[in-house]
Amino acid sequence: MLPAISEKQFQKQVIEFAQLRKWKVAHFRPARVIVHGKETWRTPVAGDGEGFPDLVLARRRVVLFREVKTEAGKASQEQLAWLQEVGGKIWRPSMWAMIEKELW
Protein backbone atom coordinates (compact mmCIF):
# COMPACT_ATOMS: atom_id res chain seq x y z
CA MET A 1 0.00 0.00 0.00
CA LEU A 2 1.31 3.43 -0.95
CA PRO A 3 1.65 6.15 1.69
CA ALA A 4 -0.85 8.99 1.38
CA ILE A 5 0.38 11.93 -0.67
CA SER A 6 -1.37 15.25 -1.14
CA GLU A 7 -2.40 16.47 -4.57
CA LYS A 8 0.07 19.34 -4.23
CA GLN A 9 2.95 16.95 -3.40
CA PHE A 10 2.01 14.60 -6.22
CA GLN A 11 1.75 17.43 -8.72
CA LYS A 12 5.21 18.69 -7.67
CA GLN A 13 6.60 15.17 -8.16
CA VAL A 14 5.07 14.93 -11.65
CA ILE A 15 6.35 18.38 -12.66
CA GLU A 16 9.88 17.65 -11.44
CA PHE A 17 10.01 14.32 -13.27
CA ALA A 18 8.59 15.82 -16.48
CA GLN A 19 11.16 18.62 -16.42
CA LEU A 20 13.92 16.09 -15.80
CA ARG A 21 12.77 14.34 -18.99
CA LYS A 22 12.86 17.73 -20.84
CA TRP A 23 9.10 18.33 -21.06
CA LYS A 24 7.87 21.93 -20.97
CA VAL A 25 5.27 22.13 -18.20
CA ALA A 26 2.58 24.73 -17.57
CA HIS A 27 0.53 24.89 -14.38
CA PHE A 28 -1.69 27.81 -13.44
CA ARG A 29 -1.88 27.99 -9.69
CA PRO A 30 -4.63 29.68 -7.70
CA ALA A 31 -4.13 32.99 -5.93
CA ARG A 32 -5.39 33.94 -2.49
CA VAL A 33 -8.18 36.52 -2.80
CA ILE A 34 -10.78 38.14 -0.59
CA VAL A 35 -14.39 37.54 -1.66
CA HIS A 36 -17.18 39.14 0.39
CA GLY A 37 -14.70 39.70 3.23
CA LYS A 38 -13.53 36.09 3.32
CA GLU A 39 -10.21 34.69 2.16
CA THR A 40 -10.42 32.02 -0.52
CA TRP A 41 -8.38 30.62 -3.41
CA ARG A 42 -9.24 31.34 -7.06
CA THR A 43 -7.53 30.65 -10.36
CA PRO A 44 -8.12 33.58 -12.69
CA VAL A 45 -9.60 32.32 -15.95
CA ALA A 46 -11.44 33.75 -18.92
CA GLY A 47 -13.61 32.18 -21.57
CA ASP A 48 -14.22 28.50 -20.89
CA GLY A 49 -11.31 28.15 -18.46
CA GLU A 50 -13.21 26.65 -15.53
CA GLY A 51 -12.04 23.08 -15.07
CA PHE A 52 -8.93 23.50 -17.27
CA PRO A 53 -6.50 20.62 -16.60
CA ASP A 54 -3.83 21.02 -13.91
CA LEU A 55 -0.92 20.41 -16.25
CA VAL A 56 -0.09 21.01 -19.88
CA LEU A 57 3.07 19.16 -20.91
CA ALA A 58 4.79 19.60 -24.29
CA ARG A 59 7.82 17.97 -25.89
CA ARG A 60 8.73 17.38 -29.53
CA ARG A 61 5.32 18.51 -30.84
CA VAL A 62 3.45 16.23 -28.43
CA VAL A 63 1.08 17.97 -26.04
CA LEU A 64 -0.49 16.25 -23.01
CA PHE A 65 -3.30 17.57 -20.83
CA ARG A 66 -3.36 15.99 -17.38
CA GLU A 67 -5.43 16.41 -14.24
CA VAL A 68 -3.69 15.20 -11.08
CA LYS A 69 -5.70 13.74 -8.22
CA THR A 70 -5.07 11.82 -5.04
CA GLU A 71 -6.31 8.25 -4.96
CA ALA A 72 -9.62 9.44 -3.52
CA GLY A 73 -9.80 12.74 -5.43
CA LYS A 74 -12.81 13.35 -7.67
CA ALA A 75 -12.78 15.38 -10.88
CA SER A 76 -15.47 18.01 -11.31
CA GLN A 77 -17.85 17.92 -14.27
CA GLU A 78 -15.98 20.88 -15.76
CA GLN A 79 -12.66 19.04 -15.43
CA LEU A 80 -14.10 15.91 -17.03
CA ALA A 81 -15.53 17.97 -19.91
CA TRP A 82 -12.11 19.53 -20.59
CA LEU A 83 -10.35 16.16 -20.43
CA GLN A 84 -12.82 14.69 -22.89
CA GLU A 85 -12.44 17.66 -25.25
CA VAL A 86 -8.63 17.54 -25.34
CA GLY A 87 -8.03 13.80 -24.97
CA GLY A 88 -6.67 14.32 -21.48
CA LYS A 89 -6.29 11.92 -18.59
CA ILE A 90 -6.39 11.87 -14.82
CA TRP A 91 -3.14 10.81 -13.16
CA ARG A 92 -3.04 9.36 -9.63
CA PRO A 93 -0.06 8.36 -7.45
CA SER A 94 -0.79 4.65 -7.96
CA MET A 95 -0.22 5.20 -11.69
CA TRP A 96 3.41 6.29 -11.23
CA ALA A 97 4.95 3.50 -13.35
CA MET A 98 2.61 4.37 -16.24
CA ILE A 99 3.35 8.10 -15.80
CA GLU A 100 7.08 7.47 -15.98
CA LYS A 101 6.63 5.39 -19.12
CA GLU A 102 4.45 8.06 -20.76
CA LEU A 103 6.93 10.83 -19.97
CA TRP A 104 10.04 8.85 -20.86
C-alpha atoms as a PDB file:
ATOM      1  CA  MET A   1       0.000   0.000   0.000  1.00  0.00           C
ATOM      2  CA  LEU A   2       1.309   3.430  -0.946  1.00  0.00           C
ATOM      3  CA  PRO A   3       1.649   6.148   1.690  1.00  0.00           C
ATOM      4  CA  ALA A   4      -0.847   8.988   1.377  1.00  0.00           C
ATOM      5  CA  ILE A   5       0.376  11.928  -0.672  1.00  0.00           C
ATOM      6  CA  SER A   6      -1.370  15.245  -1.140  1.00  0.00           C
ATOM      7  CA  GLU A   7      -2.395  16.465  -4.566  1.00  0.00           C
ATOM      8  CA  LYS A   8       0.072  19.339  -4.233  1.00  0.00           C
ATOM      9  CA  GLN A   9       2.950  16.952  -3.405  1.00  0.00           C
ATOM     10  CA  PHE A  10       2.006  14.596  -6.216  1.00  0.00           C
ATOM     11  CA  GLN A  11       1.748  17.432  -8.717  1.00  0.00           C
ATOM     12  CA  LYS A  12       5.212  18.689  -7.669  1.00  0.00           C
ATOM     13  CA  GLN A  13       6.604  15.173  -8.163  1.00  0.00           C
ATOM     14  CA  VAL A  14       5.072  14.927 -11.653  1.00  0.00           C
ATOM     15  CA  ILE A  15       6.352  18.384 -12.664  1.00  0.00           C
ATOM     16  CA  GLU A  16       9.876  17.651 -11.444  1.00  0.00           C
ATOM     17  CA  PHE A  17      10.011  14.315 -13.273  1.00  0.00           C
ATOM     18  CA  ALA A  18       8.595  15.824 -16.482  1.00  0.00           C
ATOM     19  CA  GLN A  19      11.160  18.622 -16.423  1.00  0.00           C
ATOM     20  CA  LEU A  20      13.924  16.093 -15.800  1.00  0.00           C
ATOM     21  CA  ARG A  21      12.774  14.345 -18.990  1.00  0.00           C
ATOM     22  CA  LYS A  22      12.859  17.727 -20.844  1.00  0.00           C
ATOM     23  CA  TRP A  23       9.105  18.333 -21.064  1.00  0.00           C
ATOM     24  CA  LYS A  24       7.869  21.930 -20.974  1.00  0.00           C
ATOM     25  CA  VAL A  25       5.274  22.134 -18.198  1.00  0.00           C
ATOM     26  CA  ALA A  26       2.583  24.729 -17.569  1.00  0.00           C
ATOM     27  CA  HIS A  27       0.527  24.886 -14.384  1.00  0.00           C
ATOM     28  CA  PHE A  28      -1.687  27.808 -13.438  1.00  0.00           C
ATOM     29  CA  ARG A  29      -1.881  27.992  -9.685  1.00  0.00           C
ATOM     30  CA  PRO A  30      -4.625  29.677  -7.704  1.00  0.00           C
ATOM     31  CA  ALA A  31      -4.133  32.987  -5.932  1.00  0.00           C
ATOM     32  CA  ARG A  32      -5.394  33.936  -2.495  1.00  0.00           C
ATOM     33  CA  VAL A  33      -8.183  36.519  -2.802  1.00  0.00           C
ATOM     34  CA  ILE A  34     -10.784  38.136  -0.587  1.00  0.00           C
ATOM     35  CA  VAL A  35     -14.386  37.545  -1.661  1.00  0.00           C
ATOM     36  CA  HIS A  36     -17.176  39.138   0.387  1.00  0.00           C
ATOM     37  CA  GLY A  37     -14.704  39.701   3.226  1.00  0.00           C
ATOM     38  CA  LYS A  38     -13.531  36.086   3.317  1.00  0.00           C
ATOM     39  CA  GLU A  39     -10.208  34.687   2.157  1.00  0.00           C
ATOM     40  CA  THR A  40     -10.415  32.023  -0.523  1.00  0.00           C
ATOM     41  CA  TRP A  41      -8.375  30.624  -3.414  1.00  0.00           C
ATOM     42  CA  ARG A  42      -9.236  31.341  -7.061  1.00  0.00           C
ATOM     43  CA  THR A  43      -7.529  30.645 -10.359  1.00  0.00           C
ATOM     44  CA  PRO A  44      -8.123  33.579 -12.690  1.00  0.00           C
ATOM     45  CA  VAL A  45      -9.603  32.321 -15.948  1.00  0.00           C
ATOM     46  CA  ALA A  46     -11.437  33.748 -18.919  1.00  0.00           C
ATOM     47  CA  GLY A  47     -13.613  32.177 -21.566  1.00  0.00           C
ATOM     48  CA  ASP A  48     -14.217  28.497 -20.888  1.00  0.00           C
ATOM     49  CA  GLY A  49     -11.308  28.147 -18.465  1.00  0.00           C
ATOM     50  CA  GLU A  50     -13.206  26.647 -15.528  1.00  0.00           C
ATOM     51  CA  GLY A  51     -12.036  23.077 -15.072  1.00  0.00           C
ATOM     52  CA  PHE A  52      -8.934  23.497 -17.272  1.00  0.00           C
ATOM     53  CA  PRO A  53      -6.496  20.624 -16.604  1.00  0.00           C
ATOM     54  CA  ASP A  54      -3.831  21.024 -13.906  1.00  0.00           C
ATOM     55  CA  LEU A  55      -0.922  20.415 -16.248  1.00  0.00           C
ATOM     56  CA  VAL A  56      -0.090  21.008 -19.884  1.00  0.00           C
ATOM     57  CA  LEU A  57       3.075  19.162 -20.913  1.00  0.00           C
ATOM     58  CA  ALA A  58       4.790  19.598 -24.285  1.00  0.00           C
ATOM     59  CA  ARG A  59       7.815  17.968 -25.891  1.00  0.00           C
ATOM     60  CA  ARG A  60       8.734  17.381 -29.532  1.00  0.00           C
ATOM     61  CA  ARG A  61       5.324  18.508 -30.840  1.00  0.00           C
ATOM     62  CA  VAL A  62       3.452  16.234 -28.435  1.00  0.00           C
ATOM     63  CA  VAL A  63       1.083  17.971 -26.036  1.00  0.00           C
ATOM     64  CA  LEU A  64      -0.488  16.255 -23.014  1.00  0.00           C
ATOM     65  CA  PHE A  65      -3.298  17.572 -20.830  1.00  0.00           C
ATOM     66  CA  ARG A  66      -3.358  15.986 -17.380  1.00  0.00           C
ATOM     67  CA  GLU A  67      -5.427  16.408 -14.242  1.00  0.00           C
ATOM     68  CA  VAL A  68      -3.690  15.205 -11.079  1.00  0.00           C
ATOM     69  CA  LYS A  69      -5.701  13.745  -8.215  1.00  0.00           C
ATOM     70  CA  THR A  70      -5.072  11.824  -5.042  1.00  0.00           C
ATOM     71  CA  GLU A  71      -6.310   8.245  -4.963  1.00  0.00           C
ATOM     72  CA  ALA A  72      -9.619   9.442  -3.519  1.00  0.00           C
ATOM     73  CA  GLY A  73      -9.805  12.738  -5.428  1.00  0.00           C
ATOM     74  CA  LYS A  74     -12.805  13.355  -7.675  1.00  0.00           C
ATOM     75  CA  ALA A  75     -12.778  15.381 -10.881  1.00  0.00           C
ATOM     76  CA  SER A  76     -15.473  18.012 -11.313  1.00  0.00           C
ATOM     77  CA  GLN A  77     -17.850  17.924 -14.266  1.00  0.00           C
ATOM     78  CA  GLU A  78     -15.982  20.883 -15.758  1.00  0.00           C
ATOM     79  CA  GLN A  79     -12.662  19.036 -15.430  1.00  0.00           C
ATOM     80  CA  LEU A  80     -14.103  15.909 -17.031  1.00  0.00           C
ATOM     81  CA  ALA A  81     -15.530  17.968 -19.908  1.00  0.00           C
ATOM     82  CA  TRP A  82     -12.109  19.525 -20.585  1.00  0.00           C
ATOM     83  CA  LEU A  83     -10.345  16.164 -20.434  1.00  0.00           C
ATOM     84  CA  GLN A  84     -12.816  14.690 -22.888  1.00  0.00           C
ATOM     85  CA  GLU A  85     -12.445  17.656 -25.246  1.00  0.00           C
ATOM     86  CA  VAL A  86      -8.629  17.543 -25.337  1.00  0.00           C
ATOM     87  CA  GLY A  87      -8.031  13.805 -24.975  1.00  0.00           C
ATOM     88  CA  GLY A  88      -6.668  14.325 -21.481  1.00  0.00           C
ATOM     89  CA  LYS A  89      -6.291  11.919 -18.585  1.00  0.00           C
ATOM     90  CA  ILE A  90      -6.389  11.866 -14.823  1.00  0.00           C
ATOM     91  CA  TRP A  91      -3.138  10.806 -13.163  1.00  0.00           C
ATOM     92  CA  ARG A  92      -3.043   9.361  -9.627  1.00  0.00           C
ATOM     93  CA  PRO A  93      -0.065   8.363  -7.448  1.00  0.00           C
ATOM     94  CA  SER A  94      -0.789   4.650  -7.955  1.00  0.00           C
ATOM     95  CA  MET A  95      -0.221   5.199 -11.689  1.00  0.00           C
ATOM     96  CA  TRP A  96       3.407   6.293 -11.230  1.00  0.00           C
ATOM     97  CA  ALA A  97       4.946   3.496 -13.346  1.00  0.00           C
ATOM     98  CA  MET A  98       2.608   4.374 -16.243  1.00  0.00           C
ATOM     99  CA  ILE A  99       3.346   8.104 -15.801  1.00  0.00           C
ATOM    100  CA  GLU A 100       7.083   7.471 -15.977  1.00  0.00           C
ATOM    101  CA  LYS A 101       6.629   5.394 -19.116  1.00  0.00           C
ATOM    102  CA  GLU A 102       4.446   8.057 -20.761  1.00  0.00           C
ATOM    103  CA  LEU A 103       6.929  10.825 -19.970  1.00  0.00           C
ATOM    104  CA  TRP A 104      10.042   8.850 -20.864  1.00  0.00           C
END
